[in-house]
N, C-alpha and C. Protein backbone atom coordinates (compact mmCIF):
# COMPACT_ATOMS: atom_id res chain seq x y z
N UNK A 1 -58.28 -0.66 -13.50
CA UNK A 1 -57.24 -1.36 -12.78
C UNK A 1 -56.16 -0.37 -12.34
N UNK A 2 -55.77 -0.46 -11.06
CA UNK A 2 -54.73 0.42 -10.54
C UNK A 2 -53.37 -0.03 -11.05
N UNK A 3 -52.48 0.94 -11.24
CA UNK A 3 -51.12 0.62 -11.69
C UNK A 3 -50.23 0.36 -10.49
N UNK A 4 -49.35 -0.62 -10.62
CA UNK A 4 -48.42 -0.95 -9.56
C UNK A 4 -47.26 0.04 -9.54
N UNK A 5 -46.65 0.19 -8.37
CA UNK A 5 -45.44 0.98 -8.24
C UNK A 5 -44.28 0.03 -8.55
N UNK A 6 -43.56 0.30 -9.60
CA UNK A 6 -42.45 -0.57 -10.02
C UNK A 6 -41.39 -0.65 -8.93
N UNK A 7 -40.94 -1.85 -8.65
CA UNK A 7 -39.85 -2.07 -7.70
C UNK A 7 -40.30 -2.17 -6.25
N UNK A 8 -41.61 -2.02 -5.98
CA UNK A 8 -42.11 -2.14 -4.61
C UNK A 8 -42.82 -3.48 -4.47
N UNK A 9 -42.30 -4.33 -3.61
CA UNK A 9 -42.92 -5.62 -3.32
C UNK A 9 -43.68 -5.51 -2.01
N UNK A 10 -44.89 -6.01 -1.98
CA UNK A 10 -45.72 -5.93 -0.76
C UNK A 10 -46.44 -7.25 -0.56
N UNK A 11 -46.34 -7.80 0.64
CA UNK A 11 -47.01 -9.05 0.97
C UNK A 11 -48.16 -8.84 1.95
N UNK A 12 -48.55 -7.60 2.20
CA UNK A 12 -49.62 -7.29 3.15
C UNK A 12 -50.96 -7.45 2.45
N UNK A 13 -51.50 -8.67 2.52
CA UNK A 13 -52.71 -9.00 1.76
C UNK A 13 -53.96 -8.29 2.25
N UNK A 14 -53.96 -7.73 3.45
CA UNK A 14 -55.14 -7.02 3.95
C UNK A 14 -55.04 -5.50 3.76
N UNK A 15 -54.19 -5.05 2.84
CA UNK A 15 -54.09 -3.63 2.49
C UNK A 15 -54.83 -3.39 1.18
N UNK A 16 -55.55 -2.29 1.08
CA UNK A 16 -56.30 -2.00 -0.15
C UNK A 16 -55.38 -1.76 -1.34
N UNK A 17 -54.11 -1.48 -1.10
CA UNK A 17 -53.16 -1.20 -2.18
C UNK A 17 -52.42 -2.45 -2.67
N UNK A 18 -52.64 -3.59 -2.02
CA UNK A 18 -51.98 -4.85 -2.39
C UNK A 18 -52.70 -5.49 -3.57
N UNK A 19 -51.94 -5.98 -4.55
CA UNK A 19 -52.58 -6.77 -5.61
C UNK A 19 -52.10 -8.22 -5.51
N UNK A 20 -52.73 -9.08 -6.24
CA UNK A 20 -52.49 -10.52 -6.11
C UNK A 20 -51.09 -10.95 -6.54
N UNK A 21 -50.32 -10.08 -7.17
CA UNK A 21 -48.95 -10.43 -7.54
C UNK A 21 -47.93 -9.81 -6.59
N UNK A 22 -48.38 -9.49 -5.36
CA UNK A 22 -47.54 -8.90 -4.31
C UNK A 22 -46.90 -7.58 -4.71
N UNK A 23 -47.67 -6.77 -5.43
CA UNK A 23 -47.23 -5.43 -5.81
C UNK A 23 -48.08 -4.39 -5.09
N UNK A 24 -47.56 -3.18 -4.98
CA UNK A 24 -48.28 -2.07 -4.37
C UNK A 24 -48.90 -1.22 -5.47
N UNK A 25 -50.19 -0.88 -5.30
CA UNK A 25 -50.88 -0.07 -6.30
C UNK A 25 -51.22 1.33 -5.78
N UNK A 26 -50.65 1.72 -4.64
CA UNK A 26 -50.86 3.08 -4.14
C UNK A 26 -50.20 4.07 -5.10
N UNK A 27 -50.69 5.26 -5.19
CA UNK A 27 -50.07 6.27 -6.05
C UNK A 27 -48.66 6.60 -5.63
N UNK A 28 -48.41 6.53 -4.34
CA UNK A 28 -47.08 6.73 -3.76
C UNK A 28 -47.12 6.09 -2.38
N UNK A 29 -45.97 5.90 -1.78
CA UNK A 29 -45.93 5.34 -0.43
C UNK A 29 -45.11 6.23 0.49
N UNK A 30 -45.42 6.12 1.78
CA UNK A 30 -44.64 6.80 2.81
C UNK A 30 -44.22 5.74 3.81
N UNK A 31 -42.93 5.70 4.12
CA UNK A 31 -42.40 4.74 5.08
C UNK A 31 -41.86 5.50 6.27
N UNK A 32 -42.21 5.06 7.48
CA UNK A 32 -41.75 5.70 8.70
C UNK A 32 -41.07 4.64 9.57
N UNK A 33 -40.56 4.94 10.56
CA UNK A 33 -40.56 6.04 11.50
C UNK A 33 -39.29 6.88 11.34
N UNK A 34 -39.36 8.12 11.77
CA UNK A 34 -38.23 9.01 11.57
C UNK A 34 -37.02 8.66 12.44
N UNK A 35 -37.22 7.88 13.50
CA UNK A 35 -36.11 7.54 14.39
C UNK A 35 -35.69 6.08 14.29
N UNK A 36 -36.00 5.40 13.20
CA UNK A 36 -35.68 3.98 13.05
C UNK A 36 -34.18 3.74 13.06
N UNK A 37 -33.81 2.67 13.72
CA UNK A 37 -32.41 2.25 13.76
C UNK A 37 -32.26 0.83 13.23
N UNK A 38 -33.38 0.19 12.89
CA UNK A 38 -33.35 -1.14 12.30
C UNK A 38 -34.58 -1.32 11.42
N UNK A 39 -34.53 -2.34 10.55
CA UNK A 39 -35.64 -2.60 9.64
C UNK A 39 -36.94 -2.86 10.40
N UNK A 40 -36.87 -3.51 11.56
CA UNK A 40 -38.08 -3.83 12.31
C UNK A 40 -38.76 -2.59 12.90
N UNK A 41 -38.08 -1.45 12.90
CA UNK A 41 -38.66 -0.22 13.42
C UNK A 41 -39.28 0.65 12.33
N UNK A 42 -39.35 0.14 11.11
CA UNK A 42 -39.96 0.89 10.01
C UNK A 42 -41.32 0.29 9.68
N UNK A 43 -42.16 1.06 9.03
CA UNK A 43 -43.46 0.56 8.60
C UNK A 43 -44.00 1.41 7.47
N UNK A 44 -44.96 0.86 6.75
CA UNK A 44 -45.59 1.57 5.65
C UNK A 44 -46.73 2.41 6.20
N UNK A 45 -46.62 3.71 6.11
CA UNK A 45 -47.66 4.60 6.61
C UNK A 45 -48.77 4.81 5.59
N UNK A 46 -48.66 4.18 4.41
CA UNK A 46 -49.68 4.27 3.37
C UNK A 46 -50.72 3.16 3.54
N UNK A 47 -50.46 2.19 4.41
CA UNK A 47 -51.36 1.05 4.63
C UNK A 47 -52.78 1.51 4.94
N UNK A 48 -53.74 0.89 4.25
CA UNK A 48 -55.16 1.07 4.55
C UNK A 48 -55.80 -0.31 4.54
N UNK A 49 -56.53 -0.62 5.59
CA UNK A 49 -57.15 -1.93 5.75
C UNK A 49 -58.23 -2.15 4.69
N UNK A 50 -58.25 -3.35 4.08
CA UNK A 50 -59.29 -3.67 3.11
C UNK A 50 -60.46 -4.38 3.79
N UNK A 51 -61.37 -4.95 3.02
CA UNK A 51 -62.56 -5.60 3.56
C UNK A 51 -62.25 -6.83 4.40
N UNK A 52 -61.05 -7.38 4.31
CA UNK A 52 -60.68 -8.57 5.08
C UNK A 52 -60.37 -8.25 6.54
N UNK A 53 -60.21 -7.00 6.87
CA UNK A 53 -59.87 -6.60 8.24
C UNK A 53 -61.12 -6.68 9.13
N UNK A 54 -60.89 -7.04 10.36
CA UNK A 54 -61.97 -7.07 11.34
C UNK A 54 -61.53 -6.33 12.58
N UNK A 55 -62.47 -5.77 13.27
CA UNK A 55 -62.17 -5.08 14.53
C UNK A 55 -62.21 -6.08 15.66
N UNK A 56 -61.22 -6.02 16.52
CA UNK A 56 -61.16 -6.94 17.66
C UNK A 56 -61.76 -6.30 18.88
């Protein structure tokens, strides 16, 4: 079982690092973008699609 990163809440259910208690189990995370001026301009660059993802 992967260990969660304490204090990181994640609701992205189609990420391989998401667990069922809305925690992140990645070893570490990277958040971008370097030029963000608002919360909506940031994103998790550690995201990896799990088996629930489909190609459109």
